Amino acid sequence: MSWNFDISEAPRGQTVMQPRKVGDKETTVSVFVPDRVILATKCGKVTPSEYLPKEGRWVMLAAGEAPLAWQPWPAHPTAGGGE
């Protein structure tokens, strides 16, 4: 893996529809499922993170703060795909 300095390319996640049972009724709700990434910050830290769409920021970063670079979170070696 190598660092990507184009933050606009960082995967943020997707909204999916999931079934929910509320009382006796079945319903479908919209749920945001974030993608996990590794971020490099301006203060020299490297941290796991996920995008928070309602807040418009990354976990571990303050509002208005942008990471310097990102990498995809690696998959487990036996998880298929071998990332």
C-alpha atoms as a PDB file:
ATOM      1  CA  MET A   1       0.000   0.000   0.000  1.00  0.00           C
ATOM      2  CA  SER A   2       1.088   3.530  -0.618  1.00  0.00           C
ATOM      3  CA  TRP A   3      -0.230   6.902   0.490  1.00  0.00           C
ATOM      4  CA  ASN A   4      -2.746   8.742  -1.676  1.00  0.00           C
ATOM      5  CA  PHE A   5      -2.614  12.517  -1.267  1.00  0.00           C
ATOM      6  CA  ASP A   6      -5.892  13.125  -3.135  1.00  0.00           C
ATOM      7  CA  ILE A   7      -8.368  13.114  -0.241  1.00  0.00           C
ATOM      8  CA  SER A   8     -11.303  13.382  -2.658  1.00  0.00           C
ATOM      9  CA  GLU A   9     -10.493   9.794  -3.735  1.00  0.00           C
ATOM     10  CA  ALA A  10     -10.736   8.391  -0.184  1.00  0.00           C
ATOM     11  CA  PRO A  11     -13.647   5.950   0.138  1.00  0.00           C
ATOM     12  CA  ARG A  12     -16.265   7.283   2.522  1.00  0.00           C
ATOM     13  CA  GLY A  13     -18.829   4.474   2.528  1.00  0.00           C
ATOM     14  CA  GLN A  14     -22.313   4.020   1.189  1.00  0.00           C
ATOM     15  CA  THR A  15     -25.930   4.245   2.211  1.00  0.00           C
ATOM     16  CA  VAL A  16     -27.751   0.913   2.145  1.00  0.00           C
ATOM     17  CA  MET A  17     -31.289  -0.148   2.883  1.00  0.00           C
ATOM     18  CA  GLN A  18     -31.629  -2.570   5.812  1.00  0.00           C
ATOM     19  CA  PRO A  19     -34.724  -4.313   7.185  1.00  0.00           C
ATOM     20  CA  ARG A  20     -35.793  -3.414  10.725  1.00  0.00           C
ATOM     21  CA  LYS A  21     -38.537  -4.748  12.948  1.00  0.00           C
ATOM     22  CA  VAL A  22     -40.324  -2.076  14.964  1.00  0.00           C
ATOM     23  CA  GLY A  23     -42.861  -3.697  17.256  1.00  0.00           C
ATOM     24  CA  ASP A  24     -44.879  -6.035  15.051  1.00  0.00           C
ATOM     25  CA  LYS A  25     -44.045  -4.227  11.818  1.00  0.00           C
ATOM     26  CA  GLU A  26     -41.245  -4.848   9.355  1.00  0.00           C
ATOM     27  CA  THR A  27     -39.785  -1.751   7.731  1.00  0.00           C
ATOM     28  CA  THR A  28     -36.745  -0.787   5.693  1.00  0.00           C
ATOM     29  CA  VAL A  29     -34.424   1.990   6.823  1.00  0.00           C
ATOM     30  CA  SER A  30     -31.546   3.817   5.157  1.00  0.00           C
ATOM     31  CA  VAL A  31     -28.232   3.211   6.996  1.00  0.00           C
ATOM     32  CA  PHE A  32     -24.788   4.659   6.244  1.00  0.00           C
ATOM     33  CA  VAL A  33     -22.070   1.978   6.242  1.00  0.00           C
ATOM     34  CA  PRO A  34     -18.639   3.656   6.432  1.00  0.00           C
ATOM     35  CA  ASP A  35     -15.460   2.402   4.765  1.00  0.00           C
ATOM     36  CA  ARG A  36     -12.475   2.201   7.110  1.00  0.00           C
ATOM     37  CA  VAL A  37      -9.271   3.936   6.014  1.00  0.00           C
ATOM     38  CA  ILE A  38      -5.895   4.906   7.441  1.00  0.00           C
ATOM     39  CA  LEU A  39      -5.262   8.651   7.593  1.00  0.00           C
ATOM     40  CA  ALA A  40      -2.071  10.690   7.898  1.00  0.00           C
ATOM     41  CA  THR A  41      -2.625  14.006   9.708  1.00  0.00           C
ATOM     42  CA  LYS A  42      -0.818  17.349   9.518  1.00  0.00           C
ATOM     43  CA  CYS A  43       0.526  16.803  13.065  1.00  0.00           C
ATOM     44  CA  GLY A  44       2.452  13.659  12.052  1.00  0.00           C
ATOM     45  CA  LYS A  45      -0.033  11.056  13.327  1.00  0.00           C
ATOM     46  CA  VAL A  46      -1.325   7.991  11.501  1.00  0.00           C
ATOM     47  CA  THR A  47      -4.765   6.817  12.601  1.00  0.00           C
ATOM     48  CA  PRO A  48      -7.618   4.537  11.539  1.00  0.00           C
ATOM     49  CA  SER A  49     -10.686   6.519  10.567  1.00  0.00           C
ATOM     50  CA  GLU A  50     -14.157   6.499   9.022  1.00  0.00           C
ATOM     51  CA  TYR A  51     -16.106   9.323   7.423  1.00  0.00           C
ATOM     52  CA  LEU A  52     -18.988  10.843   9.405  1.00  0.00           C
ATOM     53  CA  PRO A  53     -21.363  12.202   6.731  1.00  0.00           C
ATOM     54  CA  LYS A  54     -23.751  13.931   9.156  1.00  0.00           C
ATOM     55  CA  GLU A  55     -20.823  15.886  10.638  1.00  0.00           C
ATOM     56  CA  GLY A  56     -18.890  16.224   7.372  1.00  0.00           C
ATOM     57  CA  ARG A  57     -15.613  15.104   8.943  1.00  0.00           C
ATOM     58  CA  TRP A  58     -13.356  12.111   9.575  1.00  0.00           C
ATOM     59  CA  VAL A  59     -13.206  10.242  12.906  1.00  0.00           C
ATOM     60  CA  MET A  60     -10.184  11.489  14.922  1.00  0.00           C
ATOM     61  CA  LEU A  61     -10.153  14.839  13.056  1.00  0.00           C
ATOM     62  CA  ALA A  62     -11.928  18.017  14.113  1.00  0.00           C
ATOM     63  CA  ALA A  63     -14.544  19.706  11.941  1.00  0.00           C
ATOM     64  CA  GLY A  64     -12.816  21.622   9.165  1.00  0.00           C
ATOM     65  CA  GLU A  65      -9.607  19.601   9.521  1.00  0.00           C
ATOM     66  CA  ALA A  66      -8.473  17.593   6.505  1.00  0.00           C
ATOM     67  CA  PRO A  67      -6.056  14.666   6.423  1.00  0.00           C
ATOM     68  CA  LEU A  68      -2.852  14.968   4.407  1.00  0.00           C
ATOM     69  CA  ALA A  69      -3.085  11.497   2.885  1.00  0.00           C
ATOM     70  CA  TRP A  70      -4.976   8.211   3.130  1.00  0.00           C
ATOM     71  CA  GLN A  71      -4.589   4.475   2.526  1.00  0.00           C
ATOM     72  CA  PRO A  72      -7.256   1.771   2.306  1.00  0.00           C
ATOM     73  CA  TRP A  73      -7.712  -0.351   5.427  1.00  0.00           C
ATOM     74  CA  PRO A  74      -6.196  -3.766   4.639  1.00  0.00           C
ATOM     75  CA  ALA A  75      -8.369  -6.870   4.572  1.00  0.00           C
ATOM     76  CA  HIS A  76      -7.396  -9.912   6.629  1.00  0.00           C
ATOM     77  CA  PRO A  77      -5.115 -12.201   4.566  1.00  0.00           C
ATOM     78  CA  THR A  78      -7.698 -14.996   4.546  1.00  0.00           C
ATOM     79  CA  ALA A  79     -10.696 -12.744   3.862  1.00  0.00           C
ATOM     80  CA  GLY A  80     -10.654 -13.354   0.114  1.00  0.00           C
ATOM     81  CA  GLY A  81      -9.316 -10.799  -2.289  1.00  0.00           C
ATOM     82  CA  GLY A  82      -6.061 -10.752  -0.306  1.00  0.00           C
ATOM     83  CA  GLU A  83      -5.793  -6.986   0.064  1.00  0.00           C
END
